[in-house]
N, C-alpha and C. Protein backbone atom coordinates (compact mmCIF):
# COMPACT_ATOMS: atom_id res chain seq x y z
N UNK A 1 0.76 -1.20 0.04
CA UNK A 1 -0.43 -0.33 -0.53
C UNK A 1 0.93 1.55 -0.21
N UNK A 2 0.49 2.43 -1.39
CA UNK A 2 1.35 3.32 -0.55
C UNK A 2 1.31 4.41 0.35
N UNK A 3 2.29 5.42 0.93
CA UNK A 3 2.03 5.80 1.75
C UNK A 3 0.82 7.00 1.19
N UNK A 4 -0.37 7.49 2.39
CA UNK A 4 -1.05 8.49 2.11
C UNK A 4 -0.84 8.83 3.49
N UNK A 5 -0.75 10.27 2.50
CA UNK A 5 -1.40 11.73 4.11
C UNK A 5 -3.25 11.86 4.43
N UNK A 6 -3.51 11.67 5.68
CA UNK A 6 -4.43 11.65 5.50
C UNK A 6 -5.06 12.50 6.76
N UNK A 7 -3.73 13.75 7.27
CA UNK A 7 -4.18 14.39 7.78
C UNK A 7 -3.31 15.27 8.47
N UNK A 8 -3.12 16.65 8.28
CA UNK A 8 -1.44 17.67 8.17
C UNK A 8 -2.24 19.08 8.76
N UNK A 9 -1.52 19.14 10.93
CA UNK A 9 -2.01 20.06 11.40
C UNK A 9 -0.51 20.46 11.45
N UNK A 10 -0.98 21.53 12.46
CA UNK A 10 0.47 22.34 12.86
C UNK A 10 1.32 22.00 13.27
N UNK A 11 1.55 20.51 13.60
CA UNK A 11 2.20 20.10 14.37
C UNK A 11 3.35 19.45 13.65
N UNK A 12 2.27 18.07 12.73
CA UNK A 12 2.61 17.22 12.12
C UNK A 12 2.23 16.67 11.11
N UNK A 13 2.81 15.53 10.14
CA UNK A 13 1.70 15.27 9.09
C UNK A 13 1.73 13.59 9.76
N UNK A 14 0.87 13.46 9.35
CA UNK A 14 -0.13 12.34 9.99
C UNK A 14 -0.20 11.74 8.44
N UNK A 15 1.17 10.26 7.80
CA UNK A 15 0.64 9.46 7.44
C UNK A 15 -0.44 8.36 7.41
N UNK A 16 -0.85 6.83 6.35
CA UNK A 16 -0.80 5.99 6.67
C UNK A 16 -0.31 5.26 5.58
N UNK A 17 0.37 3.45 6.15
CA UNK A 17 0.80 3.04 5.60
C UNK A 17 1.37 1.53 5.92
N UNK A 18 0.33 1.27 5.17
CA UNK A 18 0.80 -0.59 5.25
C UNK A 18 -0.39 -0.35 6.68
N UNK A 19 -1.64 -0.57 6.92
CA UNK A 19 -2.08 0.05 8.77
C UNK A 19 -1.19 0.60 9.95
N UNK A 20 0.31 0.97 9.45
CA UNK A 20 0.76 2.10 10.68
C UNK A 20 -0.09 3.29 10.20
N UNK A 21 0.21 4.34 11.22
CA UNK A 21 -0.10 5.59 10.83
C UNK A 21 1.64 5.87 11.52
N UNK A 22 2.07 7.18 10.09
CA UNK A 22 3.22 7.50 10.42
C UNK A 22 3.25 9.01 10.76
N UNK A 23 4.13 9.31 11.78
CA UNK A 23 3.65 10.68 12.15
C UNK A 23 4.97 11.47 12.19
N UNK A 24 5.27 12.28 11.21
CA UNK A 24 6.51 13.24 10.75
C UNK A 24 5.92 15.07 12.34
N UNK A 25 6.40 15.14 12.53
CA UNK A 25 6.76 16.38 12.90
C UNK A 25 7.41 17.48 11.96
N UNK A 26 6.31 18.55 11.77
CA UNK A 26 6.72 19.38 10.43
C UNK A 26 8.09 20.12 11.03
N UNK A 27 9.11 20.71 10.23
CA UNK A 27 10.03 22.07 10.77
C UNK A 27 9.26 23.40 10.54
N UNK A 28 9.45 23.74 11.38
CA UNK A 28 9.39 25.50 11.75
C UNK A 28 10.09 26.54 11.07
N UNK A 29 10.19 27.14 10.58
CA UNK A 29 10.86 28.20 9.64
C UNK A 29 10.73 29.10 10.98
N UNK A 30 10.38 29.41 11.48
CA UNK A 30 10.14 30.83 12.04
C UNK A 30 11.52 30.41 13.43
N UNK A 31 11.95 28.96 13.64
CA UNK A 31 12.73 28.74 14.71
C UNK A 31 14.10 28.76 13.49
N UNK A 32 15.25 29.23 14.53
CA UNK A 32 16.63 28.72 14.05
C UNK A 32 16.58 26.85 13.83
N UNK A 33 17.32 26.46 12.64
CA UNK A 33 17.14 25.33 12.52
C UNK A 33 17.89 23.94 13.52
N UNK A 34 18.91 25.05 13.75
CA UNK A 34 19.28 24.09 15.32
C UNK A 34 18.46 24.05 16.55
N UNK A 35 17.41 25.15 16.92
CA UNK A 35 16.43 25.07 17.68
C UNK A 35 15.62 24.11 17.78
N UNK A 36 15.36 24.31 16.46
CA UNK A 36 13.80 23.64 15.59
C UNK A 36 14.16 22.03 15.61
N UNK A 37 15.34 21.30 15.26
CA UNK A 37 15.50 20.19 15.21
C UNK A 37 16.10 19.51 16.32
N UNK A 38 16.02 20.48 17.49
CA UNK A 38 16.17 19.77 18.81
C UNK A 38 14.94 19.91 20.01
N UNK A 39 14.06 20.65 19.15
CA UNK A 39 12.79 21.03 19.91
C UNK A 39 12.17 19.67 19.21
N UNK A 40 11.59 19.03 17.99
CA UNK A 40 11.35 18.54 17.42
C UNK A 40 11.40 17.30 17.73
N UNK A 41 12.97 17.26 18.38
CA UNK A 41 13.58 15.48 17.66
C UNK A 41 12.98 14.93 19.90
N UNK A 42 13.30 16.14 20.81
CA UNK A 42 12.56 16.02 22.02
C UNK A 42 11.22 16.25 22.17
N UNK A 43 10.50 16.66 21.72
CA UNK A 43 8.66 16.27 21.21
C UNK A 43 8.47 14.77 21.05
N UNK A 44 9.74 14.52 19.78
CA UNK A 44 8.79 12.81 19.09
C UNK A 44 9.67 12.19 20.31
N UNK A 45 10.78 11.71 21.20
CA UNK A 45 11.12 11.24 22.30
C UNK A 45 10.49 11.30 23.89
N UNK A 46 9.66 12.28 23.53
CA UNK A 46 8.50 12.34 24.82
C UNK A 46 7.02 11.66 24.47
N UNK A 47 6.47 11.97 23.40
CA UNK A 47 5.32 11.31 22.97
C UNK A 47 5.71 9.62 22.68
N UNK A 48 6.50 9.30 22.03
CA UNK A 48 6.82 8.29 22.12
C UNK A 48 7.27 7.36 24.09
N UNK A 49 7.61 7.83 24.59
CA UNK A 49 7.83 7.60 25.86
C UNK A 49 6.21 7.81 26.85
N UNK A 50 5.41 8.44 26.55
CA UNK A 50 4.00 8.46 26.90
C UNK A 50 3.27 7.74 26.67
N UNK A 51 3.34 7.20 25.00
CA UNK A 51 2.73 6.16 24.31
C UNK A 51 3.21 4.88 25.38
N UNK A 52 4.15 4.40 25.27
CA UNK A 52 5.15 3.24 25.82
C UNK A 52 4.57 3.36 27.35
N UNK A 53 4.09 4.51 28.18
CA UNK A 53 3.69 3.91 29.17
C UNK A 53 2.70 4.01 29.54
N UNK A 54 1.40 4.28 28.68
CA UNK A 54 0.45 4.19 28.56
C UNK A 54 0.15 2.97 28.20
N UNK A 55 0.70 2.34 27.20
CA UNK A 55 0.08 0.95 26.93
C UNK A 55 0.06 0.21 27.29
N UNK A 56 0.47 0.07 28.79
CA UNK A 56 0.55 -0.87 29.90
C UNK A 56 -0.88 -0.61 30.35
N UNK A 57 -0.95 0.52 30.72
CA UNK A 57 -2.47 0.95 31.44
C UNK A 57 -3.73 1.45 30.69
N UNK A 58 -3.86 1.83 29.75
CA UNK A 58 -5.35 2.10 29.51
C UNK A 58 -5.31 1.88 27.11
N UNK A 59 -6.24 1.88 26.71
CA UNK A 59 -6.29 1.36 25.32
C UNK A 59 -5.79 2.95 24.48
N UNK A 60 -4.28 2.02 23.77
CA UNK A 60 -3.50 3.32 22.94
C UNK A 60 -2.95 2.34 21.78
N UNK A 61 -2.82 3.39 20.98
CA UNK A 61 -2.11 3.00 19.94
C UNK A 61 -1.07 2.80 20.28
N UNK A 62 -0.05 1.58 19.70
CA UNK A 62 1.02 0.37 20.03
C UNK A 62 1.86 1.80 19.54
N UNK A 63 3.28 1.30 20.42
CA UNK A 63 4.40 2.29 19.30
C UNK A 63 5.10 1.35 18.96
N UNK A 64 5.03 1.21 17.66
CA UNK A 64 6.05 0.60 17.03
C UNK A 64 7.61 0.87 16.64
N UNK A 65 7.84 2.45 15.95
CA UNK A 65 8.98 2.17 16.18
C UNK A 65 8.96 3.98 16.32
N UNK A 66 10.37 4.37 16.82
CA UNK A 66 10.85 6.04 17.01
C UNK A 66 11.98 5.82 15.91
N UNK A 67 12.22 6.95 15.05
CA UNK A 67 12.92 7.82 14.46
C UNK A 67 13.22 9.08 14.91
N UNK A 68 14.29 9.12 15.38
CA UNK A 68 14.34 10.46 16.16
C UNK A 68 15.16 11.53 15.06
N UNK A 69 15.60 10.75 14.15
CA UNK A 69 16.87 11.76 12.70
C UNK A 69 15.49 12.11 12.05
N UNK A 70 14.96 11.41 11.63
CA UNK A 70 13.84 11.75 11.00
C UNK A 70 12.54 12.15 11.39
N UNK A 71 12.59 13.18 12.61
CA UNK A 71 11.53 12.78 13.92
C UNK A 71 10.16 12.56 13.52
N UNK A 72 10.44 11.23 13.62
CA UNK A 72 9.06 10.40 13.47
C UNK A 72 8.84 9.05 14.25
N UNK A 73 7.77 8.79 14.32
CA UNK A 73 7.04 7.87 14.88
C UNK A 73 5.95 6.85 14.07
N UNK A 74 6.43 5.48 14.23
CA UNK A 74 5.60 4.70 13.33
C UNK A 74 4.12 4.23 14.23
N UNK A 75 3.66 4.47 14.39
CA UNK A 75 2.65 3.91 15.59
C UNK A 75 1.35 2.92 14.92
N UNK A 76 0.71 2.03 15.62
CA UNK A 76 -0.09 0.90 15.29
C UNK A 76 -1.24 2.15 14.57
N UNK A 77 -2.02 1.78 13.94
CA UNK A 77 -3.53 2.02 13.19
C UNK A 77 -4.69 1.72 13.98
N UNK A 78 -5.10 2.56 14.43
CA UNK A 78 -6.31 1.86 15.30
C UNK A 78 -7.88 2.26 14.15
N UNK A 79 -8.34 1.13 13.86
CA UNK A 79 -9.07 0.99 13.05
C UNK A 79 -10.79 0.71 13.64
N UNK A 80 -11.39 1.86 13.77
CA UNK A 80 -13.09 1.95 15.17
C UNK A 80 -13.54 3.27 14.29
N UNK A 81 -14.60 3.64 15.28
CA UNK A 81 -15.07 4.88 14.97
C UNK A 81 -15.06 6.00 15.70
N UNK A 82 -14.33 6.77 15.25
CA UNK A 82 -14.13 8.18 15.78
C UNK A 82 -15.21 9.15 16.22
N UNK A 83 -15.00 9.32 18.24
CA UNK A 83 -15.92 9.45 18.51
C UNK A 83 -16.91 10.99 18.44
N UNK A 84 -15.80 11.63 17.42
CA UNK A 84 -16.52 12.99 17.12
C UNK A 84 -17.48 12.64 15.90
N UNK A 85 -17.84 11.92 15.59
CA UNK A 85 -18.65 11.28 14.61
C UNK A 85 -19.55 10.29 15.06
N UNK A 86 -19.68 9.98 16.10
CA UNK A 86 -20.18 8.43 16.54
C UNK A 86 -20.73 8.59 17.75
N UNK A 87 -20.29 9.39 18.95
CA UNK A 87 -20.61 9.34 20.09
C UNK A 87 -22.16 8.90 20.28
N UNK A 88 -22.87 10.23 19.77
CA UNK A 88 -24.00 9.97 20.19
C UNK A 88 -25.24 8.39 19.18
N UNK A 89 -24.34 7.74 19.19
CA UNK A 89 -25.05 7.12 17.98
C UNK A 89 -24.75 5.23 19.14
N UNK A 90 -23.72 5.36 19.73
CA UNK A 90 -23.43 4.27 20.05
C UNK A 90 -23.12 4.31 21.77
N UNK A 91 -24.11 4.75 22.32
CA UNK A 91 -24.69 4.35 24.10
C UNK A 91 -23.50 5.39 24.44
N UNK A 92 -23.62 6.00 24.32
CA UNK A 92 -22.77 7.94 25.25
C UNK A 92 -23.02 7.86 26.50
N UNK A 93 -23.24 7.26 27.22
CA UNK A 93 -23.82 7.48 28.36
C UNK A 93 -22.57 5.75 28.95
N UNK A 94 -22.38 4.92 28.69
CA UNK A 94 -21.46 4.18 28.37
C UNK A 94 -20.16 4.17 28.30
N UNK A 95 -19.75 5.05 27.06
CA UNK A 95 -19.04 5.40 26.70
C UNK A 95 -18.04 6.36 27.43
N UNK A 96 -19.01 7.96 27.99
CA UNK A 96 -18.61 8.56 28.40
C UNK A 96 -17.97 7.81 29.88
N UNK A 97 -18.02 6.92 30.47
CA UNK A 97 -17.60 6.33 31.63
C UNK A 97 -16.30 5.79 31.23
N UNK A 98 -16.10 5.16 30.34
CA UNK A 98 -14.80 4.72 29.28
C UNK A 98 -14.08 5.84 29.06
N UNK A 99 -14.21 6.29 28.86
CA UNK A 99 -13.50 7.58 28.64
C UNK A 99 -12.75 8.29 29.89
N UNK A 100 -13.96 8.15 31.09
CA UNK A 100 -13.67 8.98 32.18
C UNK A 100 -12.33 8.06 33.16
N UNK A 101 -12.48 7.02 32.90
CA UNK A 101 -11.69 5.71 33.32
C UNK A 101 -10.59 6.20 32.24
N UNK A 102 -10.47 6.41 31.59
CA UNK A 102 -8.58 6.32 30.89
C UNK A 102 -8.81 7.79 31.37
N UNK A 103 -8.75 8.65 31.35
CA UNK A 103 -8.44 10.10 31.67
C UNK A 103 -8.21 10.17 33.48
N UNK A 104 -8.61 9.52 34.12
CA UNK A 104 -9.07 9.33 35.78
C UNK A 104 -7.06 8.29 35.33
N UNK A 105 -6.91 7.55 35.05
CA UNK A 105 -5.82 5.83 34.94
C UNK A 105 -4.65 7.52 34.32
N UNK A 106 -4.60 7.81 33.32
CA UNK A 106 -4.18 8.77 32.69
C UNK A 106 -3.66 10.02 33.64
N UNK A 107 -4.38 10.86 34.30
CA UNK A 107 -3.63 11.68 35.58
C UNK A 107 -3.29 11.19 36.69
N UNK A 108 -3.50 9.79 36.91
CA UNK A 108 -2.96 8.86 37.95
C UNK A 108 -0.91 8.69 37.68
N UNK A 109 -1.00 8.66 36.32
CA UNK A 109 0.21 8.60 35.83
C UNK A 109 1.33 10.07 35.28
N UNK A 110 0.25 11.18 35.65
CA UNK A 110 0.92 12.42 36.18
C UNK A 110 1.11 12.99 34.79
N UNK A 111 0.13 12.24 33.60
CA UNK A 111 0.12 12.24 32.32
C UNK A 111 -1.00 13.45 32.00
N UNK A 112 -1.12 14.16 30.60
CA UNK A 112 -1.04 15.39 30.50
C UNK A 112 -1.76 15.65 29.12
N UNK A 113 -2.94 15.26 28.93
CA UNK A 113 -3.20 15.27 27.21
C UNK A 113 -2.46 16.04 26.31
N UNK A 114 -3.75 17.38 26.74
CA UNK A 114 -3.04 18.50 26.68
C UNK A 114 -4.44 18.64 24.95
N UNK A 115 -5.17 17.48 24.25
CA UNK A 115 -5.78 17.78 23.56
C UNK A 115 -7.24 16.77 23.10
N UNK A 116 -7.54 17.00 24.19
CA UNK A 116 -8.70 16.01 25.18
C UNK A 116 -10.02 16.26 24.07
N UNK A 117 -10.10 16.02 22.91
CA UNK A 117 -11.39 15.63 22.02
C UNK A 117 -11.67 14.81 21.72
N UNK A 118 -12.98 14.63 21.33
CA UNK A 118 -13.51 13.25 20.84
C UNK A 118 -13.13 12.93 19.34
N UNK A 119 -12.29 13.94 18.90
CA UNK A 119 -11.73 13.59 17.65
C UNK A 119 -10.30 12.89 17.87
N UNK A 120 -9.49 12.92 19.33
CA UNK A 120 -8.96 11.76 19.56
C UNK A 120 -9.04 10.59 20.27
N UNK A 121 -10.26 10.33 19.87
CA UNK A 121 -10.95 8.84 20.55
C UNK A 121 -11.23 8.05 19.64
N UNK A 122 -11.23 6.86 19.69
CA UNK A 122 -11.55 5.96 18.78
C UNK A 122 -12.53 4.94 19.54
N UNK A 123 -13.74 4.31 19.07
CA UNK A 123 -14.16 3.53 20.28
C UNK A 123 -13.94 1.71 19.25
N UNK A 124 -12.89 1.22 19.64
CA UNK A 124 -13.30 -0.65 18.88
C UNK A 124 -13.42 -1.33 20.00
N UNK A 125 -14.52 -2.46 19.72
CA UNK A 125 -13.99 -3.60 20.35
C UNK A 125 -14.63 -3.36 21.46
N UNK A 126 -15.39 -2.45 22.30
CA UNK A 126 -16.41 -2.35 23.18
C UNK A 126 -14.52 -1.52 24.15
N UNK A 127 -13.92 -0.84 23.72
CA UNK A 127 -13.00 0.02 24.25
C UNK A 127 -12.67 1.19 23.80
N UNK A 128 -12.53 2.53 24.24
CA UNK A 128 -12.58 3.55 24.28
C UNK A 128 -10.76 4.25 24.27
N UNK A 129 -10.03 4.41 22.73
CA UNK A 129 -8.67 4.50 22.67
C UNK A 129 -8.46 5.76 22.46
N UNK A 130 -7.39 6.16 23.55
CA UNK A 130 -7.50 8.02 23.30
C UNK A 130 -5.32 8.03 21.99
N UNK A 131 -5.85 9.15 21.13
CA UNK A 131 -5.39 8.71 20.30
C UNK A 131 -3.97 10.30 20.35
N UNK A 132 -2.99 10.24 19.69
CA UNK A 132 -2.61 11.82 19.05
C UNK A 132 -2.08 12.58 20.42
N UNK A 133 -0.81 11.85 20.94
CA UNK A 133 -0.36 12.75 22.39
C UNK A 133 0.70 13.49 21.69
N UNK A 134 0.32 14.11 20.42
CA UNK A 134 1.76 15.20 20.01
C UNK A 134 1.60 16.19 21.30
N UNK A 135 0.78 17.06 21.57
CA UNK A 135 0.74 17.41 23.04
C UNK A 135 0.72 17.56 23.78
N UNK A 136 1.04 16.11 24.83
CA UNK A 136 1.14 15.70 25.93
C UNK A 136 2.17 16.12 26.86
N UNK A 137 2.06 16.12 28.00
CA UNK A 137 3.22 16.07 29.15
C UNK A 137 3.43 15.62 29.64
N UNK A 138 4.09 15.46 31.04
CA UNK A 138 4.19 15.23 32.53
C UNK A 138 4.20 16.57 33.26
N UNK A 139 2.97 16.15 34.21
CA UNK A 139 2.89 17.39 35.23
C UNK A 139 2.05 16.68 36.35
N UNK A 140 2.19 17.23 37.61
CA UNK A 140 1.79 16.70 38.61
C UNK A 140 0.52 17.86 39.26
N UNK A 141 0.91 18.76 38.73
CA UNK A 141 0.02 20.03 38.82
C UNK A 141 -1.36 20.20 38.54
N UNK A 142 -2.47 19.78 39.59
CA UNK A 142 -3.31 20.25 39.96
C UNK A 142 -3.95 20.90 38.65
N UNK A 143 -3.85 22.15 38.77
CA UNK A 143 -3.98 23.13 37.40
C UNK A 143 -4.07 22.12 36.36
N UNK A 144 -2.81 21.76 36.07
CA UNK A 144 -3.01 21.13 34.61
C UNK A 144 -3.80 20.12 34.09
N UNK A 145 -4.00 19.36 35.16
CA UNK A 145 -5.10 18.40 34.98
C UNK A 145 -6.95 18.88 34.91
N UNK A 146 -6.91 20.12 36.06
CA UNK A 146 -8.05 20.53 35.56
C UNK A 146 -8.26 21.54 34.07
N UNK A 147 -7.34 21.66 33.61
CA UNK A 147 -7.22 22.76 32.44
C UNK A 147 -7.78 20.86 31.09
N UNK A 148 -7.16 19.98 31.35
CA UNK A 148 -7.45 18.96 30.71
C UNK A 148 -8.93 18.72 30.46
N UNK A 149 -9.52 18.52 32.01
CA UNK A 149 -10.67 18.55 31.79
C UNK A 149 -11.71 19.34 31.45
N UNK A 150 -10.51 20.35 31.15
CA UNK A 150 -12.03 21.54 30.54
C UNK A 150 -12.08 21.84 29.17
N UNK A 151 -10.75 21.52 28.58
CA UNK A 151 -10.92 21.10 27.03
C UNK A 151 -11.44 20.66 26.72
N UNK A 152 -12.01 19.05 27.39
CA UNK A 152 -13.02 18.38 27.12
C UNK A 152 -14.33 18.51 27.19
N UNK A 153 -14.55 19.41 28.36
CA UNK A 153 -15.48 20.08 28.28
C UNK A 153 -16.19 20.85 26.99
N UNK A 154 -15.15 21.60 26.54
CA UNK A 154 -15.66 22.97 25.49
C UNK A 154 -15.41 21.77 24.28
N UNK A 155 -14.49 21.00 24.08
CA UNK A 155 -14.83 19.95 23.07
C UNK A 155 -16.10 19.19 22.53
N UNK A 156 -16.51 19.01 24.25
CA UNK A 156 -18.00 18.79 24.35
C UNK A 156 -19.03 19.97 23.62
N UNK A 157 -19.10 20.58 23.96
CA UNK A 157 -19.78 21.41 23.66
C UNK A 157 -19.98 22.05 22.44
N UNK A 158 -18.80 21.65 21.78
CA UNK A 158 -18.68 22.71 20.62
C UNK A 158 -19.21 21.55 19.60
N UNK A 159 -18.65 20.24 19.69
CA UNK A 159 -19.14 19.20 18.82
C UNK A 159 -20.61 18.33 19.21
N UNK A 160 -21.08 18.48 20.31
CA UNK A 160 -21.64 17.03 20.95
C UNK A 160 -22.95 18.11 22.06
N UNK A 161 -23.19 19.32 21.06
CA UNK A 161 -24.20 20.42 22.24
C UNK A 161 -25.18 20.23 22.67
N UNK A 162 -25.94 18.86 21.83
CA UNK A 162 -27.03 18.93 22.46
C UNK A 162 -27.10 17.38 23.94
N UNK A 163 -25.83 16.64 23.71
CA UNK A 163 -25.49 15.75 24.76
C UNK A 163 -24.55 16.43 25.74
N UNK A 164 -23.88 17.39 25.92
CA UNK A 164 -22.66 17.63 26.63
C UNK A 164 -22.81 17.62 27.94
N UNK A 165 -24.11 18.34 28.24
CA UNK A 165 -23.99 18.72 29.72
C UNK A 165 -24.45 17.55 30.52
N UNK A 166 -24.89 16.31 30.10
CA UNK A 166 -24.98 14.92 30.10
C UNK A 166 -23.97 14.34 30.37
N UNK A 167 -23.32 14.43 29.19
CA UNK A 167 -21.49 13.44 28.92
C UNK A 167 -20.93 14.35 30.31
N UNK A 168 -21.32 15.63 30.13
CA UNK A 168 -19.93 16.05 30.99
C UNK A 168 -20.59 15.81 32.37
N UNK A 169 -21.21 15.81 32.98
CA UNK A 169 -21.98 15.24 34.94
C UNK A 169 -21.69 13.79 34.26
N UNK A 170 -21.23 13.52 33.88
CA UNK A 170 -20.86 12.09 33.88
C UNK A 170 -19.59 12.22 34.11
N UNK A 171 -18.60 12.50 33.63
CA UNK A 171 -16.93 12.03 33.19
C UNK A 171 -17.04 12.41 34.63
N UNK A 172 -17.54 14.41 35.23
CA UNK A 172 -17.36 14.21 36.72
C UNK A 172 -17.54 13.71 37.62
N UNK A 173 -18.83 12.78 37.49
CA UNK A 173 -19.40 11.60 38.52
C UNK A 173 -18.49 10.47 38.70
N UNK A 174 -17.86 10.64 37.64
CA UNK A 174 -17.09 9.43 37.40
C UNK A 174 -15.60 9.09 37.90
N UNK A 175 -14.77 10.40 37.11
CA UNK A 175 -13.89 10.93 37.97
C UNK A 175 -13.07 10.44 38.70
N UNK A 176 -12.04 9.38 39.06
CA UNK A 176 -11.43 8.77 40.41
C UNK A 176 -10.24 9.05 40.46
N UNK A 177 -9.41 10.11 39.77
CA UNK A 177 -7.96 10.23 39.92
C UNK A 177 -7.62 10.85 41.49
N UNK A 178 -6.41 10.63 41.29
CA UNK A 178 -6.49 10.62 42.93
C UNK A 178 -6.14 12.43 42.94
N UNK A 179 -6.37 13.23 44.35
CA UNK A 179 -7.12 14.62 44.80
C UNK A 179 -8.11 14.80 43.41
N UNK A 180 -9.16 14.04 43.23
CA UNK A 180 -9.85 14.43 42.22
C UNK A 180 -11.15 15.52 42.38
N UNK A 181 -11.08 15.17 43.54
CA UNK A 181 -11.59 16.47 44.61
C UNK A 181 -11.42 17.41 44.58
N UNK A 182 -10.14 17.95 44.89
CA UNK A 182 -9.33 19.27 44.39
C UNK A 182 -8.91 19.82 42.95
N UNK A 183 -8.71 18.84 41.74
CA UNK A 183 -9.09 19.23 40.57
C UNK A 183 -10.66 19.56 40.17
N UNK A 184 -11.35 18.89 40.67
CA UNK A 184 -12.67 19.22 40.19
C UNK A 184 -12.82 20.40 40.41
N UNK A 185 -12.49 21.25 41.85
CA UNK A 185 -12.57 22.32 43.04
C UNK A 185 -12.05 23.43 41.71
N UNK A 186 -10.68 22.65 41.23
CA UNK A 186 -10.09 23.92 40.27
C UNK A 186 -10.56 24.01 39.07
N UNK A 187 -11.32 22.56 38.73
CA UNK A 187 -11.45 22.95 37.29
C UNK A 187 -12.89 24.23 36.98
N UNK A 188 -13.83 24.23 38.40
CA UNK A 188 -14.62 25.17 38.77
C UNK A 188 -13.83 26.60 38.36
N UNK A 189 -12.67 27.37 38.97
CA UNK A 189 -11.68 28.15 39.52
C UNK A 189 -11.71 28.81 37.69
N UNK A 190 -11.11 26.99 37.06
CA UNK A 190 -10.55 27.12 35.26
C UNK A 190 -12.05 27.78 34.79
N UNK A 191 -12.76 27.22 34.74
CA UNK A 191 -14.39 28.06 33.56
C UNK A 191 -14.56 29.41 34.01
N UNK A 192 -14.41 29.93 35.85
CA UNK A 192 -14.81 30.70 36.07
C UNK A 192 -13.76 31.95 35.56
N UNK A 193 -12.79 31.46 35.27
CA UNK A 193 -12.21 32.60 34.55
C UNK A 193 -12.33 32.93 33.20
N UNK A 194 -12.73 31.10 32.68
CA UNK A 194 -13.12 31.51 31.24
C UNK A 194 -13.75 32.59 30.88
N UNK A 195 -15.08 32.56 32.07
CA UNK A 195 -16.26 33.34 31.52
C UNK A 195 -15.63 34.87 32.06
N UNK A 196 -15.09 35.18 32.68
CA UNK A 196 -14.66 36.49 32.47
C UNK A 196 -14.13 36.87 31.76
N UNK A 197 -13.32 35.98 30.92
CA UNK A 197 -12.86 36.79 30.10
C UNK A 197 -13.58 36.98 28.43
N UNK A 198 -14.82 36.23 28.68
CA UNK A 198 -15.83 36.21 27.19
C UNK A 198 -16.36 37.37 27.72
N UNK A 199 -16.78 38.50 28.94
CA UNK A 199 -17.50 39.17 28.76
C UNK A 199 -16.23 40.17 29.12
N UNK A 200 -15.42 40.52 28.78
CA UNK A 200 -14.48 41.78 28.40
C UNK A 200 -13.90 41.53 27.61
């Protein structure tokens, strides 16, 4: 099968080749080449480490290969239903509980996804896979975990507005990461800051 580009974002080109995803970090012309190369290498390495760590704990694509020279990852292609398109159709109450279980375990490892949207979640074989850890990082901060949840709430309101409130209520009710009470309390502060910005 010929390599085929399936998406291109600000950070990476995603291609499909023989049932594998190839993710190559894009050069940034506004950065000095030496700094750009180091940054892309570090971020490629960081994403690979996070995937390796998570694949023992929650459903994520398997890391097949890392090429630090080309700033490239080869990752298992998860063939399933992207939740951004199918959440309303496949028992969203049960799915939301699965999503929350994944996030709780991820946050317990002090891993922040950084782009928690239903576009980065795939349903396959009665499991919800989290994908695309390009913006992920390690953090013990309550604030960072609260912001991760806040981004998910915004994504639900944007893409699934009819069921968004019910979905997020299920997520908050079932979120059981360490310090979950503090994280949920911080989430309220993050949301109030957002509302304040919208007013001015």
